Amino acid sequence: MKLSEAKPRLPVMWVPLHANGDVRHKDCETGVISSANDEFVFVKFTPQIAKLGFDGATAQACKPEQLVDIDQALTRIRLNLSPSDLVSSFETALKKTGYVTS
């Protein structure tokens, strides 16, 4: 992701450097952008949002090149099996942000 693409409330996937861009890597995490500055994108990650709500979650500074728009990440995964674990927990967290209402 480019820094200019980072918009508040955009769902993203963080891909650690050791994953070499593999969005299927077990250490990837989903989250929602809260803000950005000239160097970092601040992301509130799904487990903390699910537990504390969006306002209660603490944002983590991430390098923009380690973030992928969630729609692009899911497209890149191209799973033949149901990604229910990823999607259901992410949808739960998104509902708490107000990004998804139903």
PDB file of N, CA and C in Angstrom:
ATOM      1  N   MET A   1       0.846  -1.163   0.000  1.00  0.00           N
ATOM      2  CA  MET A   1       0.000   0.000   0.000  1.00  0.00           C
ATOM      3  C   MET A   1       0.896   1.231   0.000  1.00  0.00           C
ATOM      4  N   LYS A   2       0.454   2.250  -0.701  1.00  0.00           N
ATOM      5  CA  LYS A   2       1.152   3.534  -0.669  1.00  0.00           C
ATOM      6  C   LYS A   2       0.556   4.375   0.452  1.00  0.00           C
ATOM      7  N   LEU A   3       1.377   5.206   1.035  1.00  0.00           N
ATOM      8  CA  LEU A   3       0.916   6.067   2.125  1.00  0.00           C
ATOM      9  C   LEU A   3      -0.299   6.890   1.701  1.00  0.00           C
ATOM     10  N   SER A   4      -0.319   7.322   0.453  1.00  0.00           N
ATOM     11  CA  SER A   4      -1.441   8.131  -0.052  1.00  0.00           C
ATOM     12  C   SER A   4      -2.753   7.347  -0.120  1.00  0.00           C
ATOM     13  N   GLU A   5      -2.688   6.025  -0.107  1.00  0.00           N
ATOM     14  CA  GLU A   5      -3.885   5.183  -0.160  1.00  0.00           C
ATOM     15  C   GLU A   5      -4.474   4.900   1.218  1.00  0.00           C
ATOM     16  N   ALA A   6      -3.749   5.251   2.253  1.00  0.00           N
ATOM     17  CA  ALA A   6      -4.181   4.964   3.618  1.00  0.00           C
ATOM     18  C   ALA A   6      -5.273   5.938   4.048  1.00  0.00           C
ATOM     19  N   LYS A   7      -6.456   5.423   4.198  1.00  0.00           N
ATOM     20  CA  LYS A   7      -7.608   6.231   4.592  1.00  0.00           C
ATOM     21  C   LYS A   7      -8.202   5.680   5.882  1.00  0.00           C
ATOM     22  N   PRO A   8      -8.612   6.549   6.792  1.00  0.00           N
ATOM     23  CA  PRO A   8      -9.241   6.078   8.028  1.00  0.00           C
ATOM     24  C   PRO A   8     -10.426   5.159   7.745  1.00  0.00           C
ATOM     25  N   ARG A   9     -10.538   4.117   8.565  1.00  0.00           N
ATOM     26  CA  ARG A   9     -11.599   3.103   8.519  1.00  0.00           C
ATOM     27  C   ARG A   9     -11.455   2.117   7.363  1.00  0.00           C
ATOM     28  N   LEU A  10     -10.326   2.164   6.637  1.00  0.00           N
ATOM     29  CA  LEU A  10     -10.085   1.197   5.569  1.00  0.00           C
ATOM     30  C   LEU A  10      -9.605  -0.122   6.176  1.00  0.00           C
ATOM     31  N   PRO A  11     -10.291  -1.231   5.889  1.00  0.00           N
ATOM     32  CA  PRO A  11      -9.845  -2.539   6.381  1.00  0.00           C
ATOM     33  C   PRO A  11      -8.578  -2.969   5.640  1.00  0.00           C
ATOM     34  N   VAL A  12      -7.601  -3.455   6.388  1.00  0.00           N
ATOM     35  CA  VAL A  12      -6.324  -3.849   5.801  1.00  0.00           C
ATOM     36  C   VAL A  12      -5.824  -5.162   6.389  1.00  0.00           C
ATOM     37  N   MET A  13      -4.832  -5.719   5.723  1.00  0.00           N
ATOM     38  CA  MET A  13      -4.095  -6.851   6.255  1.00  0.00           C
ATOM     39  C   MET A  13      -2.644  -6.423   6.372  1.00  0.00           C
ATOM     40  N   TRP A  14      -2.077  -6.663   7.550  1.00  0.00           N
ATOM     41  CA  TRP A  14      -0.657  -6.406   7.781  1.00  0.00           C
ATOM     42  C   TRP A  14       0.103  -7.675   7.446  1.00  0.00           C
ATOM     43  N   VAL A  15       1.133  -7.541   6.608  1.00  0.00           N
ATOM     44  CA  VAL A  15       1.938  -8.675   6.179  1.00  0.00           C
ATOM     45  C   VAL A  15       3.364  -8.460   6.698  1.00  0.00           C
ATOM     46  N   PRO A  16       3.819  -9.300   7.645  1.00  0.00           N
ATOM     47  CA  PRO A  16       5.155  -9.111   8.201  1.00  0.00           C
ATOM     48  C   PRO A  16       6.237  -9.329   7.133  1.00  0.00           C
ATOM     49  N   LEU A  17       7.374  -8.697   7.323  1.00  0.00           N
ATOM     50  CA  LEU A  17       8.458  -8.802   6.342  1.00  0.00           C
ATOM     51  C   LEU A  17       8.880 -10.245   6.102  1.00  0.00           C
ATOM     52  N   HIS A  18       8.912 -11.068   7.158  1.00  0.00           N
ATOM     53  CA  HIS A  18       9.354 -12.451   6.984  1.00  0.00           C
ATOM     54  C   HIS A  18       8.363 -13.296   6.178  1.00  0.00           C
ATOM     55  N   ALA A  19       7.163 -12.748   5.906  1.00  0.00           N
ATOM     56  CA  ALA A  19       6.176 -13.464   5.090  1.00  0.00           C
ATOM     57  C   ALA A  19       6.446 -13.275   3.595  1.00  0.00           C
ATOM     58  N   ASN A  20       7.360 -12.366   3.260  1.00  0.00           N
ATOM     59  CA  ASN A  20       7.722 -12.117   1.855  1.00  0.00           C
ATOM     60  C   ASN A  20       6.513 -11.856   0.963  1.00  0.00           C
ATOM     61  N   GLY A  21       5.559 -11.073   1.468  1.00  0.00           N
ATOM     62  CA  GLY A  21       4.389 -10.704   0.684  1.00  0.00           C
ATOM     63  C   GLY A  21       3.290 -11.744   0.627  1.00  0.00           C
ATOM     64  N   ASP A  22       3.461 -12.875   1.303  1.00  0.00           N
ATOM     65  CA  ASP A  22       2.467 -13.952   1.289  1.00  0.00           C
ATOM     66  C   ASP A  22       1.338 -13.626   2.263  1.00  0.00           C
ATOM     67  N   VAL A  23       0.182 -13.234   1.730  1.00  0.00           N
ATOM     68  CA  VAL A  23      -0.953 -12.864   2.574  1.00  0.00           C
ATOM     69  C   VAL A  23      -1.583 -14.071   3.273  1.00  0.00           C
ATOM     70  N   ARG A  24      -1.155 -15.286   2.912  1.00  0.00           N
ATOM     71  CA  ARG A  24      -1.636 -16.496   3.578  1.00  0.00           C
ATOM     72  C   ARG A  24      -0.780 -16.866   4.785  1.00  0.00           C
ATOM     73  N   HIS A  25       0.320 -16.166   4.996  1.00  0.00           N
ATOM     74  CA  HIS A  25       1.233 -16.489   6.089  1.00  0.00           C
ATOM     75  C   HIS A  25       0.494 -16.407   7.416  1.00  0.00           C
ATOM     76  N   LYS A  26       0.806 -17.322   8.322  1.00  0.00           N
ATOM     77  CA  LYS A  26       0.099 -17.415   9.601  1.00  0.00           C
ATOM     78  C   LYS A  26       0.279 -16.185  10.479  1.00  0.00           C
ATOM     79  N   ASP A  27       1.291 -15.387  10.240  1.00  0.00           N
ATOM     80  CA  ASP A  27       1.537 -14.215  11.074  1.00  0.00           C
ATOM     81  C   ASP A  27       0.873 -12.938  10.551  1.00  0.00           C
ATOM     82  N   CYS A  28       0.186 -13.014   9.414  1.00  0.00           N
ATOM     83  CA  CYS A  28      -0.536 -11.837   8.899  1.00  0.00           C
ATOM     84  C   CYS A  28      -1.690 -11.524   9.850  1.00  0.00           C
ATOM     85  N   GLU A  29      -2.022 -10.251   9.949  1.00  0.00           N
ATOM     86  CA  GLU A  29      -3.109  -9.829  10.827  1.00  0.00           C
ATOM     87  C   GLU A  29      -4.012  -8.838  10.106  1.00  0.00           C
ATOM     88  N   THR A  30      -5.302  -8.900  10.417  1.00  0.00           N
ATOM     89  CA  THR A  30      -6.251  -7.950   9.858  1.00  0.00           C
ATOM     90  C   THR A  30      -6.486  -6.815  10.843  1.00  0.00           C
ATOM     91  N   GLY A  31      -6.853  -5.675  10.290  1.00  0.00           N
ATOM     92  CA  GLY A  31      -7.130  -4.523  11.129  1.00  0.00           C
ATOM     93  C   GLY A  31      -7.809  -3.426  10.327  1.00  0.00           C
ATOM     94  N   VAL A  32      -7.942  -2.271  10.956  1.00  0.00           N
ATOM     95  CA  VAL A  32      -8.598  -1.119  10.345  1.00  0.00           C
ATOM     96  C   VAL A  32      -7.715   0.096  10.581  1.00  0.00           C
ATOM     97  N   ILE A  33      -7.498   0.872   9.527  1.00  0.00           N
ATOM     98  CA  ILE A  33      -6.682   2.079   9.642  1.00  0.00           C
ATOM     99  C   ILE A  33      -7.412   3.108  10.492  1.00  0.00           C
ATOM    100  N   SER A  34      -6.692   3.680  11.448  1.00  0.00           N
ATOM    101  CA  SER A  34      -7.271   4.762  12.244  1.00  0.00           C
ATOM    102  C   SER A  34      -6.760   6.121  11.783  1.00  0.00           C
ATOM    103  N   SER A  35      -5.491   6.181  11.349  1.00  0.00           N
ATOM    104  CA  SER A  35      -4.914   7.446  10.868  1.00  0.00           C
ATOM    105  C   SER A  35      -3.574   7.161  10.204  1.00  0.00           C
ATOM    106  N   ALA A  36      -2.953   8.217   9.700  1.00  0.00           N
ATOM    107  CA  ALA A  36      -1.630   8.107   9.090  1.00  0.00           C
ATOM    108  C   ALA A  36      -0.913   9.442   9.253  1.00  0.00           C
ATOM    109  N   ASN A  37       0.421   9.371   9.222  1.00  0.00           N
ATOM    110  CA  ASN A  37       1.203  10.607   9.201  1.00  0.00           C
ATOM    111  C   ASN A  37       2.144  10.540   7.996  1.00  0.00           C
ATOM    112  N   ASP A  38       3.222  11.282   8.020  1.00  0.00           N
ATOM    113  CA  ASP A  38       4.122  11.315   6.867  1.00  0.00           C
ATOM    114  C   ASP A  38       4.952  10.048   6.702  1.00  0.00           C
ATOM    115  N   GLU A  39       4.955   9.189   7.707  1.00  0.00           N
ATOM    116  CA  GLU A  39       5.802   8.007   7.662  1.00  0.00           C
ATOM    117  C   GLU A  39       5.066   6.696   7.936  1.00  0.00           C
ATOM    118  N   PHE A  40       4.095   6.726   8.839  1.00  0.00           N
ATOM    119  CA  PHE A  40       3.430   5.495   9.280  1.00  0.00           C
ATOM    120  C   PHE A  40       1.925   5.546   9.077  1.00  0.00           C
ATOM    121  N   VAL A  41       1.355   4.344   8.992  1.00  0.00           N
ATOM    122  CA  VAL A  41      -0.095   4.170   8.997  1.00  0.00           C
ATOM    123  C   VAL A  41      -0.420   3.535  10.347  1.00  0.00           C
ATOM    124  N   PHE A  42      -1.396   4.069  11.040  1.00  0.00           N
ATOM    125  CA  PHE A  42      -1.767   3.558  12.352  1.00  0.00           C
ATOM    126  C   PHE A  42      -2.976   2.643  12.203  1.00  0.00           C
ATOM    127  N   VAL A  43      -2.793   1.404  12.658  1.00  0.00           N
ATOM    128  CA  VAL A  43      -3.801   0.357  12.466  1.00  0.00           C
ATOM    129  C   VAL A  43      -4.253  -0.179  13.819  1.00  0.00           C
ATOM    130  N   LYS A  44      -5.552  -0.327  13.951  1.00  0.00           N
ATOM    131  CA  LYS A  44      -6.137  -1.012  15.111  1.00  0.00           C
ATOM    132  C   LYS A  44      -6.459  -2.423  14.635  1.00  0.00           C
ATOM    133  N   PHE A  45      -5.860  -3.411  15.311  1.00  0.00           N
ATOM    134  CA  PHE A  45      -5.970  -4.788  14.843  1.00  0.00           C
ATOM    135  C   PHE A  45      -7.225  -5.483  15.358  1.00  0.00           C
ATOM    136  N   THR A  46      -7.716  -6.399  14.539  1.00  0.00           N
ATOM    137  CA  THR A  46      -8.988  -7.073  14.747  1.00  0.00           C
ATOM    138  C   THR A  46      -9.195  -7.661  16.140  1.00  0.00           C
ATOM    139  N   PRO A  47      -8.240  -8.425  16.688  1.00  0.00           N
ATOM    140  CA  PRO A  47      -8.510  -9.012  18.012  1.00  0.00           C
ATOM    141  C   PRO A  47      -8.791  -7.955  19.085  1.00  0.00           C
ATOM    142  N   GLN A  48      -8.058  -6.853  19.041  1.00  0.00           N
ATOM    143  CA  GLN A  48      -8.260  -5.807  20.048  1.00  0.00           C
ATOM    144  C   GLN A  48      -9.567  -5.055  19.790  1.00  0.00           C
ATOM    145  N   ILE A  49      -9.914  -4.844  18.518  1.00  0.00           N
ATOM    146  CA  ILE A  49     -11.193  -4.195  18.202  1.00  0.00           C
ATOM    147  C   ILE A  49     -12.344  -5.072  18.687  1.00  0.00           C
ATOM    148  N   ALA A  50     -12.237  -6.377  18.439  1.00  0.00           N
ATOM    149  CA  ALA A  50     -13.301  -7.295  18.850  1.00  0.00           C
ATOM    150  C   ALA A  50     -13.474  -7.296  20.365  1.00  0.00           C
ATOM    151  N   LYS A  51     -12.385  -7.131  21.082  1.00  0.00           N
ATOM    152  CA  LYS A  51     -12.430  -7.172  22.545  1.00  0.00           C
ATOM    153  C   LYS A  51     -12.824  -5.828  23.151  1.00  0.00           C
ATOM    154  N   LEU A  52     -12.264  -4.723  22.614  1.00  0.00           N
ATOM    155  CA  LEU A  52     -12.419  -3.408  23.245  1.00  0.00           C
ATOM    156  C   LEU A  52     -13.250  -2.406  22.445  1.00  0.00           C
ATOM    157  N   GLY A  53     -13.636  -2.770  21.230  1.00  0.00           N
ATOM    158  CA  GLY A  53     -14.301  -1.819  20.355  1.00  0.00           C
ATOM    159  C   GLY A  53     -13.264  -0.943  19.665  1.00  0.00           C
ATOM    160  N   PHE A  54     -13.671  -0.294  18.598  1.00  0.00           N
ATOM    161  CA  PHE A  54     -12.725   0.511  17.818  1.00  0.00           C
ATOM    162  C   PHE A  54     -12.124   1.629  18.661  1.00  0.00           C
ATOM    163  N   ASP A  55     -12.960   2.350  19.400  1.00  0.00           N
ATOM    164  CA  ASP A  55     -12.456   3.475  20.192  1.00  0.00           C
ATOM    165  C   ASP A  55     -11.540   3.032  21.324  1.00  0.00           C
ATOM    166  N   GLY A  56     -11.735   1.836  21.852  1.00  0.00           N
ATOM    167  CA  GLY A  56     -10.913   1.347  22.953  1.00  0.00           C
ATOM    168  C   GLY A  56      -9.607   0.698  22.514  1.00  0.00           C
ATOM    169  N   ALA A  57      -9.515   0.316  21.243  1.00  0.00           N
ATOM    170  CA  ALA A  57      -8.315  -0.350  20.730  1.00  0.00           C
ATOM    171  C   ALA A  57      -7.184   0.659  20.558  1.00  0.00           C
ATOM    172  N   THR A  58      -5.968   0.198  20.750  1.00  0.00           N
ATOM    173  CA  THR A  58      -4.780   1.037  20.578  1.00  0.00           C
ATOM    174  C   THR A  58      -4.213   0.819  19.180  1.00  0.00           C
ATOM    175  N   ALA A  59      -3.979   1.900  18.456  1.00  0.00           N
ATOM    176  CA  ALA A  59      -3.421   1.805  17.108  1.00  0.00           C
ATOM    177  C   ALA A  59      -1.924   1.509  17.174  1.00  0.00           C
ATOM    178  N   GLN A  60      -1.467   0.721  16.227  1.00  0.00           N
ATOM    179  CA  GLN A  60      -0.052   0.374  16.106  1.00  0.00           C
ATOM    180  C   GLN A  60       0.511   1.026  14.843  1.00  0.00           C
ATOM    181  N   ALA A  61       1.704   1.581  14.934  1.00  0.00           N
ATOM    182  CA  ALA A  61       2.356   2.195  13.778  1.00  0.00           C
ATOM    183  C   ALA A  61       2.855   1.097  12.847  1.00  0.00           C
ATOM    184  N   CYS A  62       2.483   1.184  11.582  1.00  0.00           N
ATOM    185  CA  CYS A  62       2.887   0.192  10.577  1.00  0.00           C
ATOM    186  C   CYS A  62       3.490   0.903   9.375  1.00  0.00           C
ATOM    187  N   LYS A  63       4.420   0.233   8.731  1.00  0.00           N
ATOM    188  CA  LYS A  63       4.968   0.759   7.481  1.00  0.00           C
ATOM    189  C   LYS A  63       3.936   0.495   6.386  1.00  0.00           C
ATOM    190  N   PRO A  64       3.637   1.491   5.565  1.00  0.00           N
ATOM    191  CA  PRO A  64       2.591   1.307   4.549  1.00  0.00           C
ATOM    192  C   PRO A  64       2.867   0.155   3.588  1.00  0.00           C
ATOM    193  N   GLU A  65       4.138  -0.107   3.304  1.00  0.00           N
ATOM    194  CA  GLU A  65       4.454  -1.188   2.371  1.00  0.00           C
ATOM    195  C   GLU A  65       4.155  -2.572   2.940  1.00  0.00           C
ATOM    196  N   GLN A  66       3.853  -2.661   4.225  1.00  0.00           N
ATOM    197  CA  GLN A  66       3.490  -3.939   4.840  1.00  0.00           C
ATOM    198  C   GLN A  66       1.970  -4.111   4.932  1.00  0.00           C
ATOM    199  N   LEU A  67       1.221  -3.148   4.415  1.00  0.00           N
ATOM    200  CA  LEU A  67      -0.237  -3.212   4.475  1.00  0.00           C
ATOM    201  C   LEU A  67      -0.822  -3.470   3.101  1.00  0.00           C
ATOM    202  N   VAL A  68      -1.895  -4.270   3.086  1.00  0.00           N
ATOM    203  CA  VAL A  68      -2.618  -4.571   1.860  1.00  0.00           C
ATOM    204  C   VAL A  68      -4.093  -4.322   2.141  1.00  0.00           C
ATOM    205  N   ASP A  69      -4.761  -3.627   1.239  1.00  0.00           N
ATOM    206  CA  ASP A  69      -6.210  -3.446   1.337  1.00  0.00           C
ATOM    207  C   ASP A  69      -6.833  -4.841   1.483  1.00  0.00           C
ATOM    208  N   ILE A  70      -7.772  -5.002   2.404  1.00  0.00           N
ATOM    209  CA  ILE A  70      -8.322  -6.328   2.692  1.00  0.00           C
ATOM    210  C   ILE A  70      -8.955  -6.960   1.462  1.00  0.00           C
ATOM    211  N   ASP A  71      -9.594  -6.178   0.616  1.00  0.00           N
ATOM    212  CA  ASP A  71     -10.193  -6.742  -0.597  1.00  0.00           C
ATOM    213  C   ASP A  71      -9.109  -7.323  -1.503  1.00  0.00           C
ATOM    214  N   GLN A  72      -7.997  -6.615  -1.629  1.00  0.00           N
ATOM    215  CA  GLN A  72      -6.884  -7.117  -2.439  1.00  0.00           C
ATOM    216  C   GLN A  72      -6.281  -8.361  -1.803  1.00  0.00           C
ATOM    217  N   ALA A  73      -6.175  -8.364  -0.483  1.00  0.00           N
ATOM    218  CA  ALA A  73      -5.604  -9.519   0.216  1.00  0.00           C
ATOM    219  C   ALA A  73      -6.468 -10.759  -0.005  1.00  0.00           C
ATOM    220  N   LEU A  74      -7.777 -10.612   0.150  1.00  0.00           N
ATOM    221  CA  LEU A  74      -8.667 -11.759  -0.032  1.00  0.00           C
ATOM    222  C   LEU A  74      -8.657 -12.242  -1.475  1.00  0.00           C
ATOM    223  N   THR A  75      -8.531 -11.314  -2.416  1.00  0.00           N
ATOM    224  CA  THR A  75      -8.428 -11.700  -3.817  1.00  0.00           C
ATOM    225  C   THR A  75      -7.137 -12.470  -4.052  1.00  0.00           C
ATOM    226  N   ARG A  76      -6.046 -11.993  -3.442  1.00  0.00           N
ATOM    227  CA  ARG A  76      -4.755 -12.667  -3.602  1.00  0.00           C
ATOM    228  C   ARG A  76      -4.760 -14.044  -2.952  1.00  0.00           C
ATOM    229  N   ILE A  77      -5.503 -14.220  -1.895  1.00  0.00           N
ATOM    230  CA  ILE A  77      -5.549 -15.521  -1.225  1.00  0.00           C
ATOM    231  C   ILE A  77      -6.166 -16.571  -2.147  1.00  0.00           C
ATOM    232  N   ARG A  78      -7.235 -16.175  -2.866  1.00  0.00           N
ATOM    233  CA  ARG A  78      -7.915 -17.064  -3.823  1.00  0.00           C
ATOM    234  C   ARG A  78      -8.118 -18.457  -3.245  1.00  0.00           C
ATOM    235  N   LEU A  79      -8.741 -18.489  -2.093  1.00  0.00           N
ATOM    236  CA  LEU A  79      -8.963 -19.767  -1.422  1.00  0.00           C
ATOM    237  C   LEU A  79     -10.058 -20.571  -2.100  1.00  0.00           C
ATOM    238  N   ASN A  80      -9.853 -21.870  -2.153  1.00  0.00           N
ATOM    239  CA  ASN A  80     -10.898 -22.778  -2.618  1.00  0.00           C
ATOM    240  C   ASN A  80     -11.755 -23.245  -1.452  1.00  0.00           C
ATOM    241  N   LEU A  81     -11.232 -23.068  -0.233  1.00  0.00           N
ATOM    242  CA  LEU A  81     -11.995 -23.441   0.944  1.00  0.00           C
ATOM    243  C   LEU A  81     -12.536 -22.179   1.600  1.00  0.00           C
ATOM    244  N   SER A  82     -13.474 -22.343   2.473  1.00  0.00           N
ATOM    245  CA  SER A  82     -14.109 -21.201   3.131  1.00  0.00           C
ATOM    246  C   SER A  82     -13.129 -20.497   4.067  1.00  0.00           C
ATOM    247  N   PRO A  83     -12.932 -19.190   3.872  1.00  0.00           N
ATOM    248  CA  PRO A  83     -12.064 -18.440   4.779  1.00  0.00           C
ATOM    249  C   PRO A  83     -12.855 -17.956   5.990  1.00  0.00           C
ATOM    250  N   SER A  84     -13.724 -18.839   6.527  1.00  0.00           N
ATOM    251  CA  SER A  84     -14.673 -18.419   7.561  1.00  0.00           C
ATOM    252  C   SER A  84     -14.011 -17.856   8.810  1.00  0.00           C
ATOM    253  N   ASP A  85     -12.900 -18.428   9.230  1.00  0.00           N
ATOM    254  CA  ASP A  85     -12.249 -17.911  10.438  1.00  0.00           C
ATOM    255  C   ASP A  85     -11.809 -16.467  10.249  1.00  0.00           C
ATOM    256  N   LEU A  86     -11.150 -16.198   9.120  1.00  0.00           N
ATOM    257  CA  LEU A  86     -10.687 -14.842   8.841  1.00  0.00           C
ATOM    258  C   LEU A  86     -11.863 -13.894   8.677  1.00  0.00           C
ATOM    259  N   VAL A  87     -12.818 -14.279   7.856  1.00  0.00           N
ATOM    260  CA  VAL A  87     -13.924 -13.383   7.525  1.00  0.00           C
ATOM    261  C   VAL A  87     -14.828 -13.133   8.722  1.00  0.00           C
ATOM    262  N   SER A  88     -15.200 -14.165   9.461  1.00  0.00           N
ATOM    263  CA  SER A  88     -16.144 -13.958  10.558  1.00  0.00           C
ATOM    264  C   SER A  88     -15.554 -13.082  11.657  1.00  0.00           C
ATOM    265  N   SER A  89     -14.293 -13.300  12.024  1.00  0.00           N
ATOM    266  CA  SER A  89     -13.712 -12.463  13.068  1.00  0.00           C
ATOM    267  C   SER A  89     -13.511 -11.046  12.572  1.00  0.00           C
ATOM    268  N   PHE A  90     -13.182 -10.905  11.311  1.00  0.00           N
ATOM    269  CA  PHE A  90     -12.975  -9.572  10.751  1.00  0.00           C
ATOM    270  C   PHE A  90     -14.305  -8.831  10.655  1.00  0.00           C
ATOM    271  N   GLU A  91     -15.356  -9.515  10.221  1.00  0.00           N
ATOM    272  CA  GLU A  91     -16.670  -8.871  10.139  1.00  0.00           C
ATOM    273  C   GLU A  91     -17.155  -8.443  11.514  1.00  0.00           C
ATOM    274  N   THR A  92     -16.923  -9.256  12.522  1.00  0.00           N
ATOM    275  CA  THR A  92     -17.308  -8.899  13.889  1.00  0.00           C
ATOM    276  C   THR A  92     -16.613  -7.608  14.304  1.00  0.00           C
ATOM    277  N   ALA A  93     -15.325  -7.533  14.043  1.00  0.00           N
ATOM    278  CA  ALA A  93     -14.571  -6.331  14.396  1.00  0.00           C
ATOM    279  C   ALA A  93     -15.053  -5.133  13.597  1.00  0.00           C
ATOM    280  N   LEU A  94     -15.332  -5.324  12.311  1.00  0.00           N
ATOM    281  CA  LEU A  94     -15.794  -4.210  11.478  1.00  0.00           C
ATOM    282  C   LEU A  94     -17.133  -3.668  11.957  1.00  0.00           C
ATOM    283  N   LYS A  95     -18.012  -4.546  12.405  1.00  0.00           N
ATOM    284  CA  LYS A  95     -19.303  -4.090  12.913  1.00  0.00           C
ATOM    285  C   LYS A  95     -19.107  -3.148  14.093  1.00  0.00           C
ATOM    286  N   LYS A  96     -18.090  -3.416  14.917  1.00  0.00           N
ATOM    287  CA  LYS A  96     -17.827  -2.558  16.069  1.00  0.00           C
ATOM    288  C   LYS A  96     -17.259  -1.203  15.660  1.00  0.00           C
ATOM    289  N   THR A  97     -16.709  -1.098  14.448  1.00  0.00           N
ATOM    290  CA  THR A  97     -16.183   0.180  13.978  1.00  0.00           C
ATOM    291  C   THR A  97     -17.280   1.047  13.384  1.00  0.00           C
ATOM    292  N   GLY A  98     -18.399   0.431  13.051  1.00  0.00           N
ATOM    293  CA  GLY A  98     -19.455   1.164  12.349  1.00  0.00           C
ATOM    294  C   GLY A  98     -19.263   1.102  10.853  1.00  0.00           C
ATOM    295  N   TYR A  99     -18.159   0.481  10.407  1.00  0.00           N
ATOM    296  CA  TYR A  99     -17.878   0.365   8.983  1.00  0.00           C
ATOM    297  C   TYR A  99     -18.902  -0.551   8.309  1.00  0.00           C
ATOM    298  N   VAL A 100     -19.312  -1.609   9.007  1.00  0.00           N
ATOM    299  CA  VAL A 100     -20.319  -2.544   8.537  1.00  0.00           C
ATOM    300  C   VAL A 100     -21.452  -2.504   9.548  1.00  0.00           C
ATOM    301  N   THR A 101     -22.675  -2.338   9.068  1.00  0.00           N
ATOM    302  CA  THR A 101     -23.785  -2.190   9.997  1.00  0.00           C
ATOM    303  C   THR A 101     -24.674  -3.408  10.091  1.00  0.00           C
ATOM    304  N   SER A 102     -24.585  -4.328   9.149  1.00  0.00           N
ATOM    305  CA  SER A 102     -25.484  -5.497   9.225  1.00  0.00           C
ATOM    306  C   SER A 102     -24.730  -6.770   9.422  1.00  0.00           C
TER     307      SER A 102
END
